[in-house]
Amino acid sequence: KIQKNINLLPFNTLRTNTIAEYFLEAKTREDLIEGKKFSITKNLPIFILAGGSNLAIVKEKIEGLVVKNNYLKLEVIKETKPFGFKISIAFSKNKQYMSVVFSKTLYLFLK
C-alpha cells in the first residue's frame, strides 16, 4: 500500500529524520508493478531504498516515490563454511543478480 509523508528513520542506519513524499514497502512483484504505475500516473521520480545501511540522507524530504524493496527471489546454488562461518551463494530466478550471504548478516549483490 502506498503511503504519504512517511518518516524514513527506521529504514536507514544513520537514523536521519527524512520524510518520503510517497512510500511503498514492496514485498511482492505486484507491489513493485503498483509502485511503477503510481509513479507514471503522478509523474513522480522513484528512489529505490535497499537495506538502508551505508546510506546518508541529507534532505528533509524526498520528493516522489520511495520504494523499500523487500522483494527478491533467490535460489541458493551453493553453501560452504571455508572460514568457520556459512557463506551462501544465490542467484535470482532470472539470473540477473547474484547474492553472496555471509552468516545471514552481510549481503553482497552483484549484477
Protein backbone atom coordinates (compact mmCIF):
# COMPACT_ATOMS: atom_id res chain seq x y z
CA LYS A 1 0.00 0.00 0.00
CA ILE A 2 1.38 3.40 -0.96
CA GLN A 3 1.53 5.81 1.97
CA LYS A 4 2.06 9.55 2.13
CA ASN A 5 4.60 11.55 4.22
CA ILE A 6 6.40 8.63 5.88
CA ASN A 7 9.48 9.15 8.07
CA LEU A 8 12.40 7.06 6.78
CA LEU A 9 14.16 6.97 10.17
CA PRO A 10 13.53 3.23 10.72
CA PHE A 11 14.85 2.44 7.24
CA ASN A 12 18.37 3.90 7.45
CA THR A 13 21.20 3.01 9.82
CA LEU A 14 22.21 6.64 10.43
CA ARG A 15 18.69 7.30 11.80
CA THR A 16 18.16 10.59 9.99
CA ASN A 17 14.70 12.14 10.03
CA THR A 18 13.73 12.35 6.39
CA ILE A 19 10.18 12.33 5.06
CA ALA A 20 9.23 10.43 1.90
CA GLU A 21 6.51 12.24 -0.04
CA TYR A 22 5.17 8.79 -1.01
CA PHE A 23 6.39 5.46 0.35
CA LEU A 24 5.89 1.84 -0.67
CA GLU A 25 7.32 -1.20 1.07
CA ALA A 26 7.38 -3.71 -1.80
CA LYS A 27 7.12 -7.31 -0.68
CA THR A 28 5.91 -8.84 -3.95
CA ARG A 29 6.41 -8.39 -7.67
CA GLU A 30 2.90 -6.96 -7.83
CA ASP A 31 3.87 -4.28 -5.26
CA LEU A 32 6.76 -3.20 -7.50
CA ILE A 33 4.45 -3.00 -10.51
CA GLU A 34 1.92 -0.98 -8.48
CA GLY A 35 4.68 1.47 -7.49
CA LYS A 36 5.85 1.91 -11.07
CA LYS A 37 2.30 2.52 -12.32
CA PHE A 38 1.70 5.01 -9.49
CA SER A 39 4.88 6.93 -10.33
CA ILE A 40 3.96 7.08 -14.02
CA THR A 41 0.39 8.23 -13.30
CA LYS A 42 1.57 11.01 -10.97
CA ASN A 43 4.76 11.76 -12.97
CA LEU A 44 6.96 11.12 -9.92
CA PRO A 45 10.62 10.14 -9.66
CA ILE A 46 11.37 6.83 -7.92
CA PHE A 47 14.03 6.37 -5.24
CA ILE A 48 14.85 2.71 -4.51
CA LEU A 49 15.83 2.08 -0.89
CA ALA A 50 17.59 -1.24 -0.35
CA GLY A 51 18.89 -2.27 3.06
CA GLY A 52 19.49 1.29 4.24
CA SER A 53 22.98 0.64 5.57
CA ASN A 54 25.72 3.00 4.48
CA LEU A 55 23.07 5.43 3.35
CA ALA A 56 23.23 9.09 4.32
CA ILE A 57 20.05 11.01 3.56
CA VAL A 58 20.69 14.72 3.98
CA LYS A 59 17.38 16.05 2.69
CA GLU A 60 14.46 16.84 4.95
CA LYS A 61 12.05 15.45 2.36
CA ILE A 62 12.44 13.17 -0.64
CA GLU A 63 10.04 14.21 -3.38
CA GLY A 64 8.45 11.40 -5.36
CA LEU A 65 8.01 7.73 -4.50
CA VAL A 66 10.46 5.96 -2.20
CA VAL A 67 10.30 2.19 -2.66
CA LYS A 68 11.71 -0.01 0.11
CA ASN A 69 12.46 -3.12 -1.90
CA ASN A 70 11.95 -6.23 0.22
CA TYR A 71 11.20 -8.42 -2.80
CA LEU A 72 14.00 -10.60 -4.05
CA LYS A 73 13.51 -14.20 -5.06
CA LEU A 74 16.82 -16.02 -4.74
CA GLU A 75 17.75 -19.62 -5.41
CA VAL A 76 20.66 -20.89 -3.29
CA ILE A 77 23.11 -22.74 -5.51
CA LYS A 78 25.93 -23.38 -3.04
CA GLU A 79 26.61 -23.22 0.70
CA THR A 80 30.04 -23.60 2.24
CA LYS A 81 31.94 -22.92 5.50
CA PRO A 82 35.51 -22.15 4.39
CA PHE A 83 36.39 -19.92 7.36
CA GLY A 84 34.15 -21.36 10.05
CA PHE A 85 31.06 -19.36 9.11
CA LYS A 86 28.45 -20.11 6.49
CA ILE A 87 28.59 -18.48 3.08
CA SER A 88 25.62 -18.92 0.71
CA ILE A 89 25.77 -18.11 -2.98
CA ALA A 90 22.42 -17.48 -4.64
CA PHE A 91 21.07 -16.27 -7.96
CA SER A 92 17.80 -14.53 -8.69
CA LYS A 93 15.37 -16.66 -10.70
CA ASN A 94 16.12 -14.74 -13.90
CA LYS A 95 19.91 -14.98 -13.28
CA GLN A 96 20.33 -11.20 -13.36
CA TYR A 97 21.53 -10.86 -9.77
CA MET A 98 23.92 -12.90 -7.70
CA SER A 99 23.92 -12.62 -3.93
CA VAL A 100 26.63 -13.71 -1.55
CA VAL A 101 25.34 -14.02 2.02
CA PHE A 102 27.80 -14.17 4.89
CA SER A 103 26.24 -15.72 8.02
CA LYS A 104 22.82 -14.18 7.21
CA THR A 105 24.02 -10.68 8.16
CA LEU A 106 26.03 -9.24 5.27
CA TYR A 107 24.68 -9.23 1.74
CA LEU A 108 26.62 -8.50 -1.43
CA PHE A 109 24.61 -8.10 -4.62
CA LEU A 110 26.29 -8.29 -7.98
CA LYS A 111 24.68 -7.60 -11.32
